[in-house]
């Protein structure tokens, strides 16, 4: 099972795409690995700084709730990736 989720070239491509979308940064193997480890431990990797700034700007009245929702999105996206694999 581990191979299917973390080593398979298709899986790595899928996770890299997710991490690139999440962070807004160009994907790298090291960055993807950090997110894979967070996902495996069912943790949400820190919201990228530029995304946090967007959340603060757009949801000034309830930043805490917006950050919670953003983290929930990570769990949903990670589950979709796992399901697709």
PDB file of N, CA and C in Angstrom:
ATOM      1  N   UNK A   1       0.814  -1.192   0.000  1.00  0.00           N
ATOM      2  CA  UNK A   1       0.000   0.000   0.000  1.00  0.00           C
ATOM      3  C   UNK A   1       0.859   1.259   0.000  1.00  0.00           C
ATOM      4  N   UNK A   2       1.930   1.249   0.772  1.00  0.00           N
ATOM      5  CA  UNK A   2       2.778   2.440   0.862  1.00  0.00           C
ATOM      6  C   UNK A   2       3.264   2.861  -0.520  1.00  0.00           C
ATOM      7  N   UNK A   3       3.661   1.885  -1.331  1.00  0.00           N
ATOM      8  CA  UNK A   3       4.138   2.194  -2.682  1.00  0.00           C
ATOM      9  C   UNK A   3       3.070   2.931  -3.472  1.00  0.00           C
ATOM     10  N   UNK A   4       1.847   2.459  -3.370  1.00  0.00           N
ATOM     11  CA  UNK A   4       0.753   3.048  -4.137  1.00  0.00           C
ATOM     12  C   UNK A   4       0.535   4.513  -3.784  1.00  0.00           C
ATOM     13  N   UNK A   5       0.612   4.842  -2.516  1.00  0.00           N
ATOM     14  CA  UNK A   5       0.317   6.211  -2.087  1.00  0.00           C
ATOM     15  C   UNK A   5       1.500   7.165  -2.178  1.00  0.00           C
ATOM     16  N   UNK A   6       2.722   6.677  -1.951  1.00  0.00           N
ATOM     17  CA  UNK A   6       3.838   7.607  -1.786  1.00  0.00           C
ATOM     18  C   UNK A   6       4.961   7.446  -2.800  1.00  0.00           C
ATOM     19  N   UNK A   7       5.059   6.320  -3.482  1.00  0.00           N
ATOM     20  CA  UNK A   7       6.203   6.081  -4.360  1.00  0.00           C
ATOM     21  C   UNK A   7       5.809   6.010  -5.832  1.00  0.00           C
ATOM     22  N   UNK A   8       4.669   5.487  -6.122  1.00  0.00           N
ATOM     23  CA  UNK A   8       4.196   5.340  -7.501  1.00  0.00           C
ATOM     24  C   UNK A   8       4.311   6.684  -8.236  1.00  0.00           C
ATOM     25  N   UNK A   9       4.880   6.704  -9.446  1.00  0.00           N
ATOM     26  CA  UNK A   9       5.032   7.962 -10.189  1.00  0.00           C
ATOM     27  C   UNK A   9       3.717   8.720 -10.384  1.00  0.00           C
ATOM     28  N   UNK A  10       2.641   8.005 -10.607  1.00  0.00           N
ATOM     29  CA  UNK A  10       1.334   8.674 -10.760  1.00  0.00           C
ATOM     30  C   UNK A  10       0.904   9.320  -9.445  1.00  0.00           C
ATOM     31  N   UNK A  11       1.148   8.625  -8.348  1.00  0.00           N
ATOM     32  CA  UNK A  11       0.790   9.174  -7.036  1.00  0.00           C
ATOM     33  C   UNK A  11       1.624  10.406  -6.726  1.00  0.00           C
ATOM     34  N   UNK A  12       2.910  10.323  -6.996  1.00  0.00           N
ATOM     35  CA  UNK A  12       3.788  11.470  -6.744  1.00  0.00           C
ATOM     36  C   UNK A  12       3.343  12.662  -7.582  1.00  0.00           C
ATOM     37  N   UNK A  13       2.979  12.426  -8.837  1.00  0.00           N
ATOM     38  CA  UNK A  13       2.507  13.515  -9.707  1.00  0.00           C
ATOM     39  C   UNK A  13       1.226  14.133  -9.154  1.00  0.00           C
ATOM     40  N   UNK A  14       0.312  13.295  -8.686  1.00  0.00           N
ATOM     41  CA  UNK A  14      -0.947  13.791  -8.133  1.00  0.00           C
ATOM     42  C   UNK A  14      -0.707  14.628  -6.879  1.00  0.00           C
ATOM     43  N   UNK A  15       0.115  14.107  -5.965  1.00  0.00           N
ATOM     44  CA  UNK A  15       0.407  14.841  -4.737  1.00  0.00           C
ATOM     45  C   UNK A  15       1.157  16.136  -5.038  1.00  0.00           C
ATOM     46  N   UNK A  16       2.086  16.092  -5.993  1.00  0.00           N
ATOM     47  CA  UNK A  16       2.827  17.301  -6.359  1.00  0.00           C
ATOM     48  C   UNK A  16       1.883  18.361  -6.888  1.00  0.00           C
ATOM     49  N   UNK A  17       0.923  17.955  -7.692  1.00  0.00           N
ATOM     50  CA  UNK A  17      -0.075  18.894  -8.224  1.00  0.00           C
ATOM     51  C   UNK A  17      -0.878  19.519  -7.077  1.00  0.00           C
ATOM     52  N   UNK A  18      -1.302  18.694  -6.129  1.00  0.00           N
ATOM     53  CA  UNK A  18      -2.068  19.194  -4.985  1.00  0.00           C
ATOM     54  C   UNK A  18      -1.244  20.190  -4.169  1.00  0.00           C
ATOM     55  N   UNK A  19      -0.009  19.828  -3.868  1.00  0.00           N
ATOM     56  CA  UNK A  19       0.849  20.697  -3.060  1.00  0.00           C
ATOM     57  C   UNK A  19       1.132  22.004  -3.797  1.00  0.00           C
ATOM     58  N   UNK A  20       1.364  21.919  -5.096  1.00  0.00           N
ATOM     59  CA  UNK A  20       1.603  23.123  -5.892  1.00  0.00           C
ATOM     60  C   UNK A  20       0.384  24.036  -5.852  1.00  0.00           C
ATOM     61  N   UNK A  21      -0.789  23.456  -5.986  1.00  0.00           N
ATOM     62  CA  UNK A  21      -2.022  24.246  -5.928  1.00  0.00           C
ATOM     63  C   UNK A  21      -2.207  24.848  -4.535  1.00  0.00           C
ATOM     64  N   UNK A  22      -1.966  24.057  -3.511  1.00  0.00           N
ATOM     65  CA  UNK A  22      -2.163  24.497  -2.132  1.00  0.00           C
ATOM     66  C   UNK A  22      -1.221  25.635  -1.769  1.00  0.00           C
ATOM     67  N   UNK A  23       0.055  25.485  -2.143  1.00  0.00           N
ATOM     68  CA  UNK A  23       1.051  26.473  -1.735  1.00  0.00           C
ATOM     69  C   UNK A  23       1.169  27.641  -2.703  1.00  0.00           C
ATOM     70  N   UNK A  24       0.785  27.415  -3.947  1.00  0.00           N
ATOM     71  CA  UNK A  24       0.981  28.446  -4.958  1.00  0.00           C
ATOM     72  C   UNK A  24       2.436  28.558  -5.375  1.00  0.00           C
ATOM     73  N   UNK A  25       3.236  27.577  -4.991  1.00  0.00           N
ATOM     74  CA  UNK A  25       4.663  27.554  -5.309  1.00  0.00           C
ATOM     75  C   UNK A  25       4.945  26.432  -6.300  1.00  0.00           C
ATOM     76  N   UNK A  26       6.049  26.557  -6.984  1.00  0.00           N
ATOM     77  CA  UNK A  26       6.463  25.488  -7.888  1.00  0.00           C
ATOM     78  C   UNK A  26       6.764  24.240  -7.057  1.00  0.00           C
ATOM     79  N   UNK A  27       6.294  23.117  -7.515  1.00  0.00           N
ATOM     80  CA  UNK A  27       6.452  21.883  -6.758  1.00  0.00           C
ATOM     81  C   UNK A  27       7.891  21.414  -6.681  1.00  0.00           C
ATOM     82  N   UNK A  28       8.219  20.769  -5.575  1.00  0.00           N
ATOM     83  CA  UNK A  28       9.529  20.143  -5.413  1.00  0.00           C
ATOM     84  C   UNK A  28       9.328  18.842  -4.648  1.00  0.00           C
ATOM     85  N   UNK A  29      10.228  17.932  -4.856  1.00  0.00           N
ATOM     86  CA  UNK A  29      10.121  16.626  -4.186  1.00  0.00           C
ATOM     87  C   UNK A  29      10.165  16.805  -2.661  1.00  0.00           C
ATOM     88  N   UNK A  30      11.048  17.678  -2.187  1.00  0.00           N
ATOM     89  CA  UNK A  30      11.176  17.896  -0.743  1.00  0.00           C
ATOM     90  C   UNK A  30       9.891  18.492  -0.169  1.00  0.00           C
ATOM     91  N   UNK A  31       9.343  19.482  -0.843  1.00  0.00           N
ATOM     92  CA  UNK A  31       8.121  20.137  -0.373  1.00  0.00           C
ATOM     93  C   UNK A  31       6.961  19.142  -0.366  1.00  0.00           C
ATOM     94  N   UNK A  32       6.864  18.357  -1.427  1.00  0.00           N
ATOM     95  CA  UNK A  32       5.806  17.350  -1.499  1.00  0.00           C
ATOM     96  C   UNK A  32       5.959  16.346  -0.365  1.00  0.00           C
ATOM     97  N   UNK A  33       7.197  15.930  -0.074  1.00  0.00           N
ATOM     98  CA  UNK A  33       7.441  14.970   1.003  1.00  0.00           C
ATOM     99  C   UNK A  33       6.967  15.514   2.343  1.00  0.00           C
ATOM    100  N   UNK A  34       7.177  16.800   2.587  1.00  0.00           N
ATOM    101  CA  UNK A  34       6.714  17.412   3.835  1.00  0.00           C
ATOM    102  C   UNK A  34       5.198  17.295   3.954  1.00  0.00           C
ATOM    103  N   UNK A  35       4.510  17.523   2.859  1.00  0.00           N
ATOM    104  CA  UNK A  35       3.054  17.432   2.877  1.00  0.00           C
ATOM    105  C   UNK A  35       2.593  15.982   3.009  1.00  0.00           C
ATOM    106  N   UNK A  36       3.312  15.062   2.383  1.00  0.00           N
ATOM    107  CA  UNK A  36       2.949  13.648   2.505  1.00  0.00           C
ATOM    108  C   UNK A  36       3.056  13.199   3.955  1.00  0.00           C
ATOM    109  N   UNK A  37       4.107  13.620   4.621  1.00  0.00           N
ATOM    110  CA  UNK A  37       4.284  13.260   6.028  1.00  0.00           C
ATOM    111  C   UNK A  37       3.169  13.855   6.886  1.00  0.00           C
ATOM    112  N   UNK A  38       2.801  15.087   6.604  1.00  0.00           N
ATOM    113  CA  UNK A  38       1.703  15.717   7.343  1.00  0.00           C
ATOM    114  C   UNK A  38       0.400  14.965   7.096  1.00  0.00           C
ATOM    115  N   UNK A  39       0.179  14.592   5.849  1.00  0.00           N
ATOM    116  CA  UNK A  39      -1.045  13.868   5.493  1.00  0.00           C
ATOM    117  C   UNK A  39      -1.078  12.501   6.174  1.00  0.00           C
ATOM    118  N   UNK A  40       0.059  11.809   6.158  1.00  0.00           N
ATOM    119  CA  UNK A  40       0.129  10.480   6.766  1.00  0.00           C
ATOM    120  C   UNK A  40      -0.161  10.540   8.261  1.00  0.00           C
ATOM    121  N   UNK A  41       0.210  11.641   8.896  1.00  0.00           N
ATOM    122  CA  UNK A  41      -0.053  11.787  10.327  1.00  0.00           C
ATOM    123  C   UNK A  41      -1.375  12.506  10.593  1.00  0.00           C
ATOM    124  N   UNK A  42      -2.139  12.722   9.513  1.00  0.00           N
ATOM    125  CA  UNK A  42      -3.454  13.364   9.575  1.00  0.00           C
ATOM    126  C   UNK A  42      -3.365  14.780  10.151  1.00  0.00           C
ATOM    127  N   UNK A  43      -2.273  15.456   9.835  1.00  0.00           N
ATOM    128  CA  UNK A  43      -2.068  16.840  10.244  1.00  0.00           C
ATOM    129  C   UNK A  43      -2.206  17.738   9.021  1.00  0.00           C
ATOM    130  N   UNK A  44      -2.558  18.963   9.266  1.00  0.00           N
ATOM    131  CA  UNK A  44      -2.619  19.941   8.185  1.00  0.00           C
ATOM    132  C   UNK A  44      -1.307  20.700   8.185  1.00  0.00           C
ATOM    133  N   UNK A  45      -0.648  20.685   7.051  1.00  0.00           N
ATOM    134  CA  UNK A  45       0.580  21.464   6.933  1.00  0.00           C
ATOM    135  C   UNK A  45       0.205  22.929   7.053  1.00  0.00           C
ATOM    136  N   UNK A  46       1.096  23.725   7.553  1.00  0.00           N
ATOM    137  CA  UNK A  46       0.808  25.148   7.761  1.00  0.00           C
ATOM    138  C   UNK A  46       0.271  25.799   6.486  1.00  0.00           C
ATOM    139  N   UNK A  47      -0.680  26.676   6.669  1.00  0.00           N
ATOM    140  CA  UNK A  47      -1.209  27.422   5.535  1.00  0.00           C
ATOM    141  C   UNK A  47      -0.088  28.331   5.045  1.00  0.00           C
ATOM    142  N   UNK A  48       0.216  28.307   3.755  1.00  0.00           N
ATOM    143  CA  UNK A  48       1.283  29.159   3.232  1.00  0.00           C
ATOM    144  C   UNK A  48       1.028  30.634   3.558  1.00  0.00           C
ATOM    145  N   UNK A  49       2.110  31.362   3.782  1.00  0.00           N
ATOM    146  CA  UNK A  49       2.009  32.757   4.217  1.00  0.00           C
ATOM    147  C   UNK A  49       1.149  33.596   3.276  1.00  0.00           C
ATOM    148  N   UNK A  50       1.370  33.472   1.969  1.00  0.00           N
ATOM    149  CA  UNK A  50       0.584  34.304   1.044  1.00  0.00           C
ATOM    150  C   UNK A  50      -0.894  33.926   1.068  1.00  0.00           C
ATOM    151  N   UNK A  51      -1.197  32.655   1.321  1.00  0.00           N
ATOM    152  CA  UNK A  51      -2.599  32.243   1.433  1.00  0.00           C
ATOM    153  C   UNK A  51      -3.207  32.810   2.723  1.00  0.00           C
ATOM    154  N   UNK A  52      -2.424  32.818   3.792  1.00  0.00           N
ATOM    155  CA  UNK A  52      -2.902  33.385   5.052  1.00  0.00           C
ATOM    156  C   UNK A  52      -3.243  34.860   4.880  1.00  0.00           C
ATOM    157  N   UNK A  53      -2.408  35.562   4.146  1.00  0.00           N
ATOM    158  CA  UNK A  53      -2.664  36.986   3.897  1.00  0.00           C
ATOM    159  C   UNK A  53      -3.963  37.178   3.109  1.00  0.00           C
ATOM    160  N   UNK A  54      -4.197  36.320   2.132  1.00  0.00           N
ATOM    161  CA  UNK A  54      -5.438  36.397   1.349  1.00  0.00           C
ATOM    162  C   UNK A  54      -6.639  36.155   2.255  1.00  0.00           C
ATOM    163  N   UNK A  55      -6.541  35.133   3.117  1.00  0.00           N
ATOM    164  CA  UNK A  55      -7.634  34.825   4.045  1.00  0.00           C
ATOM    165  C   UNK A  55      -7.906  36.022   4.956  1.00  0.00           C
ATOM    166  N   UNK A  56      -6.855  36.617   5.493  1.00  0.00           N
ATOM    167  CA  UNK A  56      -7.021  37.772   6.388  1.00  0.00           C
ATOM    168  C   UNK A  56      -7.678  38.946   5.673  1.00  0.00           C
ATOM    169  N   UNK A  57      -7.294  39.147   4.425  1.00  0.00           N
ATOM    170  CA  UNK A  57      -7.849  40.266   3.659  1.00  0.00           C
ATOM    171  C   UNK A  57      -9.316  40.044   3.303  1.00  0.00           C
ATOM    172  N   UNK A  58      -9.637  38.840   2.857  1.00  0.00           N
ATOM    173  CA  UNK A  58     -10.998  38.564   2.376  1.00  0.00           C
ATOM    174  C   UNK A  58     -12.001  38.301   3.487  1.00  0.00           C
ATOM    175  N   UNK A  59     -11.524  37.799   4.607  1.00  0.00           N
ATOM    176  CA  UNK A  59     -12.431  37.416   5.694  1.00  0.00           C
ATOM    177  C   UNK A  59     -12.052  38.147   6.978  1.00  0.00           C
ATOM    178  N   UNK A  60     -11.989  39.449   6.902  1.00  0.00           N
ATOM    179  CA  UNK A  60     -11.545  40.268   8.029  1.00  0.00           C
ATOM    180  C   UNK A  60     -12.413  40.082   9.267  1.00  0.00           C
ATOM    181  N   UNK A  61     -13.675  39.808   9.073  1.00  0.00           N
ATOM    182  CA  UNK A  61     -14.589  39.678  10.209  1.00  0.00           C
ATOM    183  C   UNK A  61     -14.421  38.375  10.975  1.00  0.00           C
ATOM    184  N   UNK A  62     -13.895  37.346  10.317  1.00  0.00           N
ATOM    185  CA  UNK A  62     -13.784  36.050  10.984  1.00  0.00           C
ATOM    186  C   UNK A  62     -12.587  35.262  10.443  1.00  0.00           C
ATOM    187  N   UNK A  63     -11.412  35.751  10.717  1.00  0.00           N
ATOM    188  CA  UNK A  63     -10.181  35.135  10.226  1.00  0.00           C
ATOM    189  C   UNK A  63     -10.007  33.724  10.787  1.00  0.00           C
ATOM    190  N   UNK A  64     -10.309  33.539  12.056  1.00  0.00           N
ATOM    191  CA  UNK A  64     -10.133  32.228  12.696  1.00  0.00           C
ATOM    192  C   UNK A  64     -10.993  31.177  11.998  1.00  0.00           C
ATOM    193  N   UNK A  65     -12.237  31.498  11.740  1.00  0.00           N
ATOM    194  CA  UNK A  65     -13.135  30.555  11.061  1.00  0.00           C
ATOM    195  C   UNK A  65     -12.674  30.303   9.630  1.00  0.00           C
ATOM    196  N   UNK A  66     -12.199  31.336   8.967  1.00  0.00           N
ATOM    197  CA  UNK A  66     -11.714  31.181   7.593  1.00  0.00           C
ATOM    198  C   UNK A  66     -10.487  30.269   7.554  1.00  0.00           C
ATOM    199  N   UNK A  67      -9.583  30.413   8.509  1.00  0.00           N
ATOM    200  CA  UNK A  67      -8.408  29.538   8.573  1.00  0.00           C
ATOM    201  C   UNK A  67      -8.825  28.099   8.860  1.00  0.00           C
ATOM    202  N   UNK A  68      -9.814  27.927   9.732  1.00  0.00           N
ATOM    203  CA  UNK A  68     -10.313  26.574  10.023  1.00  0.00           C
ATOM    204  C   UNK A  68     -10.880  25.943   8.759  1.00  0.00           C
ATOM    205  N   UNK A  69     -11.641  26.723   8.010  1.00  0.00           N
ATOM    206  CA  UNK A  69     -12.228  26.221   6.766  1.00  0.00           C
ATOM    207  C   UNK A  69     -11.141  25.892   5.748  1.00  0.00           C
ATOM    208  N   UNK A  70     -10.106  26.713   5.688  1.00  0.00           N
ATOM    209  CA  UNK A  70      -9.012  26.469   4.745  1.00  0.00           C
ATOM    210  C   UNK A  70      -8.304  25.161   5.088  1.00  0.00           C
ATOM    211  N   UNK A  71      -8.089  24.907   6.385  1.00  0.00           N
ATOM    212  CA  UNK A  71      -7.466  23.652   6.813  1.00  0.00           C
ATOM    213  C   UNK A  71      -8.371  22.468   6.501  1.00  0.00           C
ATOM    214  N   UNK A  72      -9.666  22.666   6.641  1.00  0.00           N
ATOM    215  CA  UNK A  72     -10.611  21.607   6.309  1.00  0.00           C
ATOM    216  C   UNK A  72     -10.527  21.277   4.816  1.00  0.00           C
ATOM    217  N   UNK A  73     -10.307  22.289   4.005  1.00  0.00           N
ATOM    218  CA  UNK A  73     -10.136  22.056   2.564  1.00  0.00           C
ATOM    219  C   UNK A  73      -8.949  21.143   2.307  1.00  0.00           C
ATOM    220  N   UNK A  74      -7.876  21.327   3.061  1.00  0.00           N
ATOM    221  CA  UNK A  74      -6.710  20.457   2.888  1.00  0.00           C
ATOM    222  C   UNK A  74      -7.093  19.002   3.152  1.00  0.00           C
ATOM    223  N   UNK A  75      -7.825  18.753   4.238  1.00  0.00           N
ATOM    224  CA  UNK A  75      -8.241  17.384   4.545  1.00  0.00           C
ATOM    225  C   UNK A  75      -9.083  16.806   3.411  1.00  0.00           C
ATOM    226  N   UNK A  76      -9.981  17.591   2.884  1.00  0.00           N
ATOM    227  CA  UNK A  76     -10.842  17.127   1.791  1.00  0.00           C
ATOM    228  C   UNK A  76     -10.010  16.818   0.557  1.00  0.00           C
ATOM    229  N   UNK A  77      -9.128  17.726   0.176  1.00  0.00           N
ATOM    230  CA  UNK A  77      -8.292  17.507  -1.005  1.00  0.00           C
ATOM    231  C   UNK A  77      -7.382  16.297  -0.828  1.00  0.00           C
ATOM    232  N   UNK A  78      -6.821  16.136   0.361  1.00  0.00           N
ATOM    233  CA  UNK A  78      -5.963  14.984   0.619  1.00  0.00           C
ATOM    234  C   UNK A  78      -6.762  13.686   0.529  1.00  0.00           C
ATOM    235  N   UNK A  79      -7.975  13.688   1.045  1.00  0.00           N
ATOM    236  CA  UNK A  79      -8.834  12.495   0.955  1.00  0.00           C
ATOM    237  C   UNK A  79      -9.161  12.165  -0.498  1.00  0.00           C
ATOM    238  N   UNK A  80      -9.439  13.202  -1.290  1.00  0.00           N
ATOM    239  CA  UNK A  80      -9.729  12.975  -2.706  1.00  0.00           C
ATOM    240  C   UNK A  80      -8.525  12.326  -3.379  1.00  0.00           C
ATOM    241  N   UNK A  81      -7.330  12.826  -3.081  1.00  0.00           N
ATOM    242  CA  UNK A  81      -6.127  12.228  -3.664  1.00  0.00           C
ATOM    243  C   UNK A  81      -5.999  10.768  -3.256  1.00  0.00           C
ATOM    244  N   UNK A  82      -6.204  10.479  -1.989  1.00  0.00           N
ATOM    245  CA  UNK A  82      -6.097   9.097  -1.525  1.00  0.00           C
ATOM    246  C   UNK A  82      -7.140   8.216  -2.188  1.00  0.00           C
ATOM    247  N   UNK A  83      -8.339   8.735  -2.348  1.00  0.00           N
ATOM    248  CA  UNK A  83      -9.415   7.966  -2.972  1.00  0.00           C
ATOM    249  C   UNK A  83      -9.112   7.705  -4.443  1.00  0.00           C
ATOM    250  N   UNK A  84      -8.580   8.710  -5.130  1.00  0.00           N
ATOM    251  CA  UNK A  84      -8.262   8.562  -6.552  1.00  0.00           C
ATOM    252  C   UNK A  84      -7.183   7.517  -6.777  1.00  0.00           C
ATOM    253  N   UNK A  85      -6.287   7.363  -5.796  1.00  0.00           N
ATOM    254  CA  UNK A  85      -5.214   6.394  -5.940  1.00  0.00           C
ATOM    255  C   UNK A  85      -5.729   5.010  -5.633  1.00  0.00           C
TER     256      UNK A  85
END
